[in-house]
Amino acid sequence: MSRTIEASHSAVNLKPVDRLEIVVLIDNKTDSLSSVPAGTTLEWTNLAKVGMKQIGGGCQCCANHGLALIVTAHRGNQKKTILFDAGPVEFTVEYNGKRLGTRFSEIDAVMLSHGHWDHAGGLPRALDLIKGNTQRSDIPCYFRPGMFRKRALPLPGGGLLPIRDIPTPEDLVTHGGNPVITDEPLVVLQGMFFVSGEIVRITSYKKGFPGHMRRTEDDLDWEPDPLILDERFLAVHVNGKGIVVFSAYSHAGIINVLHSARKTFSNIPLYAVAGGLFGPGMR
């Protein structure tokens, strides 16, 4: 199921924003003790801002395998927010969101980086929280068609272990989502965000995810799927800085992601990259 929503397919329509905020909703580790660069706020500081009175295990966020970032772009007195992936499971979305004081109702859209459970498992609950007590049924959810194929990994003794399916477009509609399914790149949310198309693999050393399999198009058999070609990246142009790139697991390899971004925005410097940078097959 796919419903249409206003969007531009041309990267030239990406407009600069004045400021960019990134909240890490889910990551596979937590660390509140290490030093951080300027502009970065530690978890404990964020938790104290929203009411934590003393440090304790029940107050802190829960690390989980996967990723979810809340990215907010500001231009003048306008702002738009996109949820970049939703982590592995519904529990973590709500648990961490409550502790971080997340205003889910202010999230304007959702983007999935690729079709794996550890980035999509929390989508239904995230949409429920965005929808809240309203009757919203128009929350844009950006996908590529290949994200919904069944996948599996090889077992050491032979055979395949299926990977949990991600939520279907039909599932997400029942949670208020408006699936936008296309292979084409998109410029969305008043020109503040660029959602990429396919990431071209050009490096010789990035071999993909060894052993990764998917169902054939006719669903009758399995076929090798090491490259996971449905992966895509998110980008924002920060005025006076350049392009900020968000990559999730980087199955494509972060160098390929950045080559793709540089080709797309040939007249704008790349300023920063965030997210998951080291997918399998990097060696």
C-alpha atoms as a PDB file:
ATOM      1  CA  MET A   1       0.000   0.000   0.000  1.00  0.00           C
ATOM      2  CA  SER A   2       1.305   3.438  -0.896  1.00  0.00           C
ATOM      3  CA  ARG A   3      -0.339   6.808  -0.591  1.00  0.00           C
ATOM      4  CA  THR A   4       0.974  10.007  -2.092  1.00  0.00           C
ATOM      5  CA  ILE A   5       2.178  13.089  -0.273  1.00  0.00           C
ATOM      6  CA  GLU A   6       3.620  16.332  -1.524  1.00  0.00           C
ATOM      7  CA  ALA A   7       7.375  16.027  -2.001  1.00  0.00           C
ATOM      8  CA  SER A   8      10.066  17.092  -4.427  1.00  0.00           C
ATOM      9  CA  HIS A   9      12.327  14.635  -6.252  1.00  0.00           C
ATOM     10  CA  SER A  10      15.123  17.148  -6.903  1.00  0.00           C
ATOM     11  CA  ALA A  11      18.019  17.649  -4.509  1.00  0.00           C
ATOM     12  CA  VAL A  12      18.300  21.281  -5.642  1.00  0.00           C
ATOM     13  CA  ASN A  13      15.077  21.911  -3.732  1.00  0.00           C
ATOM     14  CA  LEU A  14      16.790  21.164  -0.418  1.00  0.00           C
ATOM     15  CA  LYS A  15      16.900  24.516   1.360  1.00  0.00           C
ATOM     16  CA  PRO A  16      19.377  25.530   4.084  1.00  0.00           C
ATOM     17  CA  VAL A  17      18.274  25.491   7.702  1.00  0.00           C
ATOM     18  CA  ASP A  18      19.607  27.675  10.496  1.00  0.00           C
ATOM     19  CA  ARG A  19      20.037  25.058  13.171  1.00  0.00           C
ATOM     20  CA  LEU A  20      19.916  21.294  13.644  1.00  0.00           C
ATOM     21  CA  GLU A  21      19.169  19.317  16.810  1.00  0.00           C
ATOM     22  CA  ILE A  22      19.677  15.557  17.189  1.00  0.00           C
ATOM     23  CA  VAL A  23      18.261  13.527  20.066  1.00  0.00           C
ATOM     24  CA  VAL A  24      19.493   9.943  20.364  1.00  0.00           C
ATOM     25  CA  LEU A  25      16.352   8.048  21.299  1.00  0.00           C
ATOM     26  CA  ILE A  26      17.856   4.546  20.951  1.00  0.00           C
ATOM     27  CA  ASP A  27      21.446   3.394  20.544  1.00  0.00           C
ATOM     28  CA  ASN A  28      23.206   0.122  21.282  1.00  0.00           C
ATOM     29  CA  LYS A  29      25.149   1.615  24.177  1.00  0.00           C
ATOM     30  CA  THR A  30      24.916   4.388  26.746  1.00  0.00           C
ATOM     31  CA  ASP A  31      27.804   6.421  28.102  1.00  0.00           C
ATOM     32  CA  SER A  32      27.384   9.349  30.481  1.00  0.00           C
ATOM     33  CA  LEU A  33      30.961   9.484  31.769  1.00  0.00           C
ATOM     34  CA  SER A  34      33.162  10.079  28.716  1.00  0.00           C
ATOM     35  CA  SER A  35      34.113  13.572  27.598  1.00  0.00           C
ATOM     36  CA  VAL A  36      32.170  14.915  24.625  1.00  0.00           C
ATOM     37  CA  PRO A  37      32.821  17.591  21.989  1.00  0.00           C
ATOM     38  CA  ALA A  38      31.266  21.043  22.048  1.00  0.00           C
ATOM     39  CA  GLY A  39      27.608  21.052  21.133  1.00  0.00           C
ATOM     40  CA  THR A  40      26.995  17.585  22.574  1.00  0.00           C
ATOM     41  CA  THR A  41      24.895  17.104  25.716  1.00  0.00           C
ATOM     42  CA  LEU A  42      25.371  14.048  27.915  1.00  0.00           C
ATOM     43  CA  GLU A  43      22.422  11.813  28.756  1.00  0.00           C
ATOM     44  CA  TRP A  44      22.413  12.720  32.456  1.00  0.00           C
ATOM     45  CA  THR A  45      22.181  16.428  31.619  1.00  0.00           C
ATOM     46  CA  ASN A  46      19.182  15.825  29.364  1.00  0.00           C
ATOM     47  CA  LEU A  47      17.515  13.645  31.979  1.00  0.00           C
ATOM     48  CA  ALA A  48      18.016  16.288  34.685  1.00  0.00           C
ATOM     49  CA  LYS A  49      16.430  18.916  32.433  1.00  0.00           C
ATOM     50  CA  VAL A  50      13.218  16.894  32.268  1.00  0.00           C
ATOM     51  CA  GLY A  51      12.971  16.050  35.952  1.00  0.00           C
ATOM     52  CA  MET A  52      15.570  13.492  37.098  1.00  0.00           C
ATOM     53  CA  LYS A  53      16.340  14.385  40.734  1.00  0.00           C
ATOM     54  CA  GLN A  54      19.056  11.822  41.377  1.00  0.00           C
ATOM     55  CA  ILE A  55      21.019   9.336  39.295  1.00  0.00           C
ATOM     56  CA  GLY A  56      19.586   5.829  39.357  1.00  0.00           C
ATOM     57  CA  GLY A  57      19.149   2.889  37.048  1.00  0.00           C
ATOM     58  CA  GLY A  58      15.419   3.436  36.683  1.00  0.00           C
ATOM     59  CA  CYS A  59      15.969   7.023  35.547  1.00  0.00           C
ATOM     60  CA  GLN A  60      18.406   6.307  32.740  1.00  0.00           C
ATOM     61  CA  CYS A  61      17.728   5.347  29.152  1.00  0.00           C
ATOM     62  CA  CYS A  62      17.899   1.746  28.025  1.00  0.00           C
ATOM     63  CA  ALA A  63      20.474   0.721  25.427  1.00  0.00           C
ATOM     64  CA  ASN A  64      19.247  -1.705  22.801  1.00  0.00           C
ATOM     65  CA  HIS A  65      20.545  -3.163  19.561  1.00  0.00           C
ATOM     66  CA  GLY A  66      19.569  -0.705  16.833  1.00  0.00           C
ATOM     67  CA  LEU A  67      19.119   3.011  16.293  1.00  0.00           C
ATOM     68  CA  ALA A  68      16.538   5.790  16.525  1.00  0.00           C
ATOM     69  CA  LEU A  69      17.340   9.485  16.095  1.00  0.00           C
ATOM     70  CA  ILE A  70      14.962  12.434  16.434  1.00  0.00           C
ATOM     71  CA  VAL A  71      16.251  15.116  14.046  1.00  0.00           C
ATOM     72  CA  THR A  72      14.820  18.638  14.208  1.00  0.00           C
ATOM     73  CA  ALA A  73      15.653  21.353  11.665  1.00  0.00           C
ATOM     74  CA  HIS A  74      15.005  25.042  12.383  1.00  0.00           C
ATOM     75  CA  ARG A  75      14.588  27.809   9.802  1.00  0.00           C
ATOM     76  CA  GLY A  76      13.550  31.175  11.179  1.00  0.00           C
ATOM     77  CA  ASN A  77      10.523  30.574  13.386  1.00  0.00           C
ATOM     78  CA  GLN A  78       9.700  27.290  11.641  1.00  0.00           C
ATOM     79  CA  LYS A  79      10.839  23.824  12.607  1.00  0.00           C
ATOM     80  CA  LYS A  80      10.303  20.329  11.274  1.00  0.00           C
ATOM     81  CA  THR A  81      11.154  17.022  12.957  1.00  0.00           C
ATOM     82  CA  ILE A  82      11.747  13.582  11.477  1.00  0.00           C
ATOM     83  CA  LEU A  83      12.229  10.268  13.285  1.00  0.00           C
ATOM     84  CA  PHE A  84      15.143   8.494  11.612  1.00  0.00           C
ATOM     85  CA  ASP A  85      14.543   4.799  12.378  1.00  0.00           C
ATOM     86  CA  ALA A  86      12.707   3.532  15.465  1.00  0.00           C
ATOM     87  CA  GLY A  87      14.957   0.947  17.070  1.00  0.00           C
ATOM     88  CA  PRO A  88      14.342  -2.777  17.538  1.00  0.00           C
ATOM     89  CA  VAL A  89      11.329  -3.015  19.808  1.00  0.00           C
ATOM     90  CA  GLU A  90       8.329  -0.963  20.922  1.00  0.00           C
ATOM     91  CA  PHE A  91       9.326  -1.051  24.605  1.00  0.00           C
ATOM     92  CA  THR A  92      12.518   0.986  24.127  1.00  0.00           C
ATOM     93  CA  VAL A  93      10.822   3.739  22.123  1.00  0.00           C
ATOM     94  CA  GLU A  94       8.376   4.488  24.905  1.00  0.00           C
ATOM     95  CA  TYR A  95      10.770   3.820  27.814  1.00  0.00           C
ATOM     96  CA  ASN A  96      13.506   6.141  26.543  1.00  0.00           C
ATOM     97  CA  GLY A  97      11.068   8.685  25.174  1.00  0.00           C
ATOM     98  CA  LYS A  98       9.437   9.100  28.575  1.00  0.00           C
ATOM     99  CA  ARG A  99      12.769   9.586  30.333  1.00  0.00           C
ATOM    100  CA  LEU A 100      14.013  12.093  27.757  1.00  0.00           C
ATOM    101  CA  GLY A 101      10.787  14.082  27.844  1.00  0.00           C
ATOM    102  CA  THR A 102      10.232  13.466  24.117  1.00  0.00           C
ATOM    103  CA  ARG A 103       7.315  15.389  22.618  1.00  0.00           C
ATOM    104  CA  PHE A 104       6.297  12.750  20.131  1.00  0.00           C
ATOM    105  CA  SER A 105       3.387  14.878  18.910  1.00  0.00           C
ATOM    106  CA  GLU A 106       5.936  17.316  17.427  1.00  0.00           C
ATOM    107  CA  ILE A 107       7.410  14.654  15.098  1.00  0.00           C
ATOM    108  CA  ASP A 108       6.253  15.409  11.557  1.00  0.00           C
ATOM    109  CA  ALA A 109       7.418  12.299   9.688  1.00  0.00           C
ATOM    110  CA  VAL A 110       9.225   8.971   9.967  1.00  0.00           C
ATOM    111  CA  MET A 111      11.986   7.599   7.739  1.00  0.00           C
ATOM    112  CA  LEU A 112      13.293   4.031   7.669  1.00  0.00           C
ATOM    113  CA  SER A 113      16.926   3.599   6.634  1.00  0.00           C
ATOM    114  CA  HIS A 114      16.606  -0.071   5.598  1.00  0.00           C
ATOM    115  CA  GLY A 115      14.446  -3.119   6.162  1.00  0.00           C
ATOM    116  CA  HIS A 116      15.889  -4.709   9.309  1.00  0.00           C
ATOM    117  CA  TRP A 117      14.065  -5.327  12.583  1.00  0.00           C
ATOM    118  CA  ASP A 118      16.602  -3.471  14.741  1.00  0.00           C
ATOM    119  CA  HIS A 119      15.697  -0.231  12.976  1.00  0.00           C
ATOM    120  CA  ALA A 120      11.990  -0.847  12.334  1.00  0.00           C
ATOM    121  CA  GLY A 121      10.654  -2.927  15.233  1.00  0.00           C
ATOM    122  CA  GLY A 122       9.613   0.131  17.230  1.00  0.00           C
ATOM    123  CA  LEU A 123       7.766   1.846  14.366  1.00  0.00           C
ATOM    124  CA  PRO A 124       4.200   0.895  15.357  1.00  0.00           C
ATOM    125  CA  ARG A 125       4.598   2.200  18.901  1.00  0.00           C
ATOM    126  CA  ALA A 126       6.420   5.306  17.682  1.00  0.00           C
ATOM    127  CA  LEU A 127       3.483   6.104  15.410  1.00  0.00           C
ATOM    128  CA  ASP A 128       1.042   5.518  18.278  1.00  0.00           C
ATOM    129  CA  LEU A 129       2.969   8.007  20.393  1.00  0.00           C
ATOM    130  CA  ILE A 130       3.131  10.549  17.564  1.00  0.00           C
ATOM    131  CA  LYS A 131      -0.587  10.149  16.952  1.00  0.00           C
ATOM    132  CA  GLY A 132      -1.441  10.383  20.654  1.00  0.00           C
ATOM    133  CA  ASN A 133      -5.116  10.951  21.352  1.00  0.00           C
ATOM    134  CA  THR A 134      -5.745  12.516  17.946  1.00  0.00           C
ATOM    135  CA  GLN A 135      -7.261  10.916  14.862  1.00  0.00           C
ATOM    136  CA  ARG A 136      -4.162  11.513  12.742  1.00  0.00           C
ATOM    137  CA  SER A 137      -3.820   9.194   9.760  1.00  0.00           C
ATOM    138  CA  ASP A 138      -1.383  11.267   7.725  1.00  0.00           C
ATOM    139  CA  ILE A 139       2.028  10.755   9.372  1.00  0.00           C
ATOM    140  CA  PRO A 140       4.433  10.404   6.412  1.00  0.00           C
ATOM    141  CA  CYS A 141       6.535   7.223   6.532  1.00  0.00           C
ATOM    142  CA  TYR A 142       9.277   7.101   3.899  1.00  0.00           C
ATOM    143  CA  PHE A 143      10.269   3.643   2.612  1.00  0.00           C
ATOM    144  CA  ARG A 144      11.897   1.989  -0.391  1.00  0.00           C
ATOM    145  CA  PRO A 145      10.092  -1.024  -1.943  1.00  0.00           C
ATOM    146  CA  GLY A 146      12.855  -3.561  -1.199  1.00  0.00           C
ATOM    147  CA  MET A 147      12.626  -3.026   2.543  1.00  0.00           C
ATOM    148  CA  PHE A 148       9.751  -5.476   2.962  1.00  0.00           C
ATOM    149  CA  ARG A 149      11.344  -8.661   1.575  1.00  0.00           C
ATOM    150  CA  LYS A 150      11.787 -11.544   4.028  1.00  0.00           C
ATOM    151  CA  ARG A 151      15.425 -11.977   5.087  1.00  0.00           C
ATOM    152  CA  ALA A 152      17.586 -14.546   6.867  1.00  0.00           C
ATOM    153  CA  LEU A 153      21.090 -15.304   8.131  1.00  0.00           C
ATOM    154  CA  PRO A 154      23.011 -18.598   7.887  1.00  0.00           C
ATOM    155  CA  LEU A 155      23.311 -20.845  10.928  1.00  0.00           C
ATOM    156  CA  PRO A 156      26.807 -22.216  11.734  1.00  0.00           C
ATOM    157  CA  GLY A 157      25.625 -25.819  11.316  1.00  0.00           C
ATOM    158  CA  GLY A 158      23.745 -25.163   8.092  1.00  0.00           C
ATOM    159  CA  GLY A 159      20.327 -23.841   7.256  1.00  0.00           C
ATOM    160  CA  LEU A 160      18.931 -20.358   7.643  1.00  0.00           C
ATOM    161  CA  LEU A 161      17.607 -18.404  10.604  1.00  0.00           C
ATOM    162  CA  PRO A 162      14.850 -16.030   9.423  1.00  0.00           C
ATOM    163  CA  ILE A 163      15.050 -12.385  10.442  1.00  0.00           C
ATOM    164  CA  ARG A 164      11.892 -10.940  11.967  1.00  0.00           C
ATOM    165  CA  ASP A 165       9.744  -9.134   9.405  1.00  0.00           C
ATOM    166  CA  ILE A 166       9.466  -5.377   9.674  1.00  0.00           C
ATOM    167  CA  PRO A 167       5.970  -3.864   9.969  1.00  0.00           C
ATOM    168  CA  THR A 168       4.118  -3.789   6.657  1.00  0.00           C
ATOM    169  CA  PRO A 169       2.683  -0.599   5.140  1.00  0.00           C
ATOM    170  CA  GLU A 170      -0.786  -1.949   5.937  1.00  0.00           C
ATOM    171  CA  ASP A 171       0.236  -2.398   9.583  1.00  0.00           C
ATOM    172  CA  LEU A 172       1.484   1.166   9.796  1.00  0.00           C
ATOM    173  CA  VAL A 173      -1.680   2.628   8.292  1.00  0.00           C
ATOM    174  CA  THR A 174      -3.596   1.239  11.274  1.00  0.00           C
ATOM    175  CA  HIS A 175      -1.259   3.240  13.533  1.00  0.00           C
ATOM    176  CA  GLY A 176      -1.792   6.521  11.681  1.00  0.00           C
ATOM    177  CA  GLY A 177       1.014   6.176   9.159  1.00  0.00           C
ATOM    178  CA  ASN A 178       0.917   7.372   5.560  1.00  0.00           C
ATOM    179  CA  PRO A 179       3.429   5.119   3.731  1.00  0.00           C
ATOM    180  CA  VAL A 180       5.354   6.822   0.932  1.00  0.00           C
ATOM    181  CA  ILE A 181       7.083   3.989  -0.938  1.00  0.00           C
ATOM    182  CA  THR A 182       9.474   4.933  -3.725  1.00  0.00           C
ATOM    183  CA  ASP A 183      12.979   4.254  -5.024  1.00  0.00           C
ATOM    184  CA  GLU A 184      13.340   7.923  -5.906  1.00  0.00           C
ATOM    185  CA  PRO A 185      15.060  10.474  -3.650  1.00  0.00           C
ATOM    186  CA  LEU A 186      12.766  13.000  -1.981  1.00  0.00           C
ATOM    187  CA  VAL A 187      13.009  16.494  -0.542  1.00  0.00           C
ATOM    188  CA  VAL A 188      10.406  16.777   2.207  1.00  0.00           C
ATOM    189  CA  LEU A 189       9.063  18.850   5.096  1.00  0.00           C
ATOM    190  CA  GLN A 190       9.263  22.311   3.544  1.00  0.00           C
ATOM    191  CA  GLY A 191      12.552  21.521   1.841  1.00  0.00           C
ATOM    192  CA  MET A 192      14.410  20.874   5.100  1.00  0.00           C
ATOM    193  CA  PHE A 193      15.231  17.160   4.636  1.00  0.00           C
ATOM    194  CA  PHE A 194      16.628  15.048   1.804  1.00  0.00           C
ATOM    195  CA  VAL A 195      15.708  11.334   1.757  1.00  0.00           C
ATOM    196  CA  SER A 196      18.089   9.545  -0.592  1.00  0.00           C
ATOM    197  CA  GLY A 197      17.518   6.905  -3.210  1.00  0.00           C
ATOM    198  CA  GLU A 198      19.884   3.973  -3.761  1.00  0.00           C
ATOM    199  CA  ILE A 199      23.435   4.332  -2.466  1.00  0.00           C
ATOM    200  CA  VAL A 200      25.835   3.397  -5.261  1.00  0.00           C
ATOM    201  CA  ARG A 201      28.647   1.042  -4.217  1.00  0.00           C
ATOM    202  CA  ILE A 202      31.945   2.187  -5.700  1.00  0.00           C
ATOM    203  CA  THR A 203      34.624   1.023  -3.229  1.00  0.00           C
ATOM    204  CA  SER A 204      36.454  -2.230  -3.892  1.00  0.00           C
ATOM    205  CA  TYR A 205      36.835  -3.221  -0.230  1.00  0.00           C
ATOM    206  CA  LYS A 206      33.195  -3.047   0.867  1.00  0.00           C
ATOM    207  CA  LYS A 207      31.800  -6.551   0.237  1.00  0.00           C
ATOM    208  CA  GLY A 208      28.460  -6.207   1.978  1.00  0.00           C
ATOM    209  CA  PHE A 209      26.946  -8.479   4.642  1.00  0.00           C
ATOM    210  CA  PRO A 210      28.355 -11.999   4.097  1.00  0.00           C
ATOM    211  CA  GLY A 211      25.695 -14.708   4.160  1.00  0.00           C
ATOM    212  CA  HIS A 212      22.752 -12.303   4.235  1.00  0.00           C
ATOM    213  CA  MET A 213      19.801 -13.757   2.289  1.00  0.00           C
ATOM    214  CA  ARG A 214      16.357 -12.653   1.142  1.00  0.00           C
ATOM    215  CA  ARG A 215      13.317 -14.257  -0.418  1.00  0.00           C
ATOM    216  CA  THR A 216      13.097 -14.156  -4.193  1.00  0.00           C
ATOM    217  CA  GLU A 217      10.604 -11.821  -5.816  1.00  0.00           C
ATOM    218  CA  ASP A 218       8.162 -14.708  -6.338  1.00  0.00           C
ATOM    219  CA  ASP A 219       8.675 -15.827  -2.702  1.00  0.00           C
ATOM    220  CA  LEU A 220       9.527 -19.392  -3.778  1.00  0.00           C
ATOM    221  CA  ASP A 221      13.183 -19.530  -2.719  1.00  0.00           C
ATOM    222  CA  TRP A 222      16.070 -17.714  -1.058  1.00  0.00           C
ATOM    223  CA  GLU A 223      18.737 -15.661  -2.847  1.00  0.00           C
ATOM    224  CA  PRO A 224      21.960 -13.941  -1.722  1.00  0.00           C
ATOM    225  CA  ASP A 225      21.453 -10.356  -0.550  1.00  0.00           C
ATOM    226  CA  PRO A 226      24.837  -9.139   0.726  1.00  0.00           C
ATOM    227  CA  LEU A 227      24.495  -5.551  -0.525  1.00  0.00           C
ATOM    228  CA  ILE A 228      21.111  -4.707   1.063  1.00  0.00           C
ATOM    229  CA  LEU A 229      20.375  -2.239  -1.703  1.00  0.00           C
ATOM    230  CA  ASP A 230      17.259  -0.821  -0.057  1.00  0.00           C
ATOM    231  CA  GLU A 231      19.434   1.194   2.347  1.00  0.00           C
ATOM    232  CA  ARG A 232      19.248   4.990   2.121  1.00  0.00           C
ATOM    233  CA  PHE A 233      20.523   8.052   3.995  1.00  0.00           C
ATOM    234  CA  LEU A 234      19.061  11.295   5.319  1.00  0.00           C
ATOM    235  CA  ALA A 235      20.668  14.713   4.739  1.00  0.00           C
ATOM    236  CA  VAL A 236      20.177  18.292   5.919  1.00  0.00           C
ATOM    237  CA  HIS A 237      21.890  21.471   4.652  1.00  0.00           C
ATOM    238  CA  VAL A 238      22.921  23.646   7.591  1.00  0.00           C
ATOM    239  CA  ASN A 239      23.433  27.240   6.489  1.00  0.00           C
ATOM    240  CA  GLY A 240      27.065  28.328   6.611  1.00  0.00           C
ATOM    241  CA  LYS A 241      28.256  24.796   7.398  1.00  0.00           C
ATOM    242  CA  GLY A 242      27.252  22.292   4.714  1.00  0.00           C
ATOM    243  CA  ILE A 243      25.545  18.929   4.402  1.00  0.00           C
ATOM    244  CA  VAL A 244      24.973  16.829   7.509  1.00  0.00           C
ATOM    245  CA  VAL A 245      24.510  13.153   6.589  1.00  0.00           C
ATOM    246  CA  PHE A 246      22.671  10.582   8.713  1.00  0.00           C
ATOM    247  CA  SER A 247      23.467   6.936   8.027  1.00  0.00           C
ATOM    248  CA  ALA A 248      21.995   4.088  10.042  1.00  0.00           C
ATOM    249  CA  TYR A 249      23.926   0.832   9.892  1.00  0.00           C
ATOM    250  CA  SER A 250      25.947   1.729   6.793  1.00  0.00           C
ATOM    251  CA  HIS A 251      25.590  -1.655   5.150  1.00  0.00           C
ATOM    252  CA  ALA A 252      26.630   0.237   2.013  1.00  0.00           C
ATOM    253  CA  GLY A 253      29.806   1.391   3.759  1.00  0.00           C
ATOM    254  CA  ILE A 254      30.057   4.914   5.109  1.00  0.00           C
ATOM    255  CA  ILE A 255      32.540   5.902   2.376  1.00  0.00           C
ATOM    256  CA  ASN A 256      29.989   4.948  -0.274  1.00  0.00           C
ATOM    257  CA  VAL A 257      27.309   6.872   1.617  1.00  0.00           C
ATOM    258  CA  LEU A 258      29.480   9.990   1.626  1.00  0.00           C
ATOM    259  CA  HIS A 259      30.453   9.566  -2.035  1.00  0.00           C
ATOM    260  CA  SER A 260      26.748   9.421  -2.850  1.00  0.00           C
ATOM    261  CA  ALA A 261      26.031  12.527  -0.786  1.00  0.00           C
ATOM    262  CA  ARG A 262      28.909  14.425  -2.377  1.00  0.00           C
ATOM    263  CA  LYS A 263      27.709  13.517  -5.869  1.00  0.00           C
ATOM    264  CA  THR A 264      24.157  14.576  -4.994  1.00  0.00           C
ATOM    265  CA  PHE A 265      25.256  17.906  -3.498  1.00  0.00           C
ATOM    266  CA  SER A 266      28.299  18.640  -5.635  1.00  0.00           C
ATOM    267  CA  ASN A 267      28.224  22.385  -4.930  1.00  0.00           C
ATOM    268  CA  ILE A 268      27.820  22.110  -1.144  1.00  0.00           C
ATOM    269  CA  PRO A 269      30.567  20.859   1.206  1.00  0.00           C
ATOM    270  CA  LEU A 270      29.973  17.852   3.426  1.00  0.00           C
ATOM    271  CA  TYR A 271      30.095  19.076   7.022  1.00  0.00           C
ATOM    272  CA  ALA A 272      29.295  16.130   9.307  1.00  0.00           C
ATOM    273  CA  VAL A 273      28.081  12.544   9.437  1.00  0.00           C
ATOM    274  CA  ALA A 274      26.160  10.866  12.257  1.00  0.00           C
ATOM    275  CA  GLY A 275      24.573   7.510  13.024  1.00  0.00           C
ATOM    276  CA  GLY A 276      25.883   3.986  12.526  1.00  0.00           C
ATOM    277  CA  LEU A 277      29.106   3.909  10.546  1.00  0.00           C
ATOM    278  CA  PHE A 278      30.402   0.341  10.464  1.00  0.00           C
ATOM    279  CA  GLY A 279      28.151  -2.260   8.915  1.00  0.00           C
ATOM    280  CA  PRO A 280      29.297  -5.892   8.389  1.00  0.00           C
ATOM    281  CA  GLY A 281      31.781  -6.604   5.648  1.00  0.00           C
ATOM    282  CA  MET A 282      34.022  -3.590   6.275  1.00  0.00           C
ATOM    283  CA  ARG A 283      37.137  -5.717   6.508  1.00  0.00           C
END
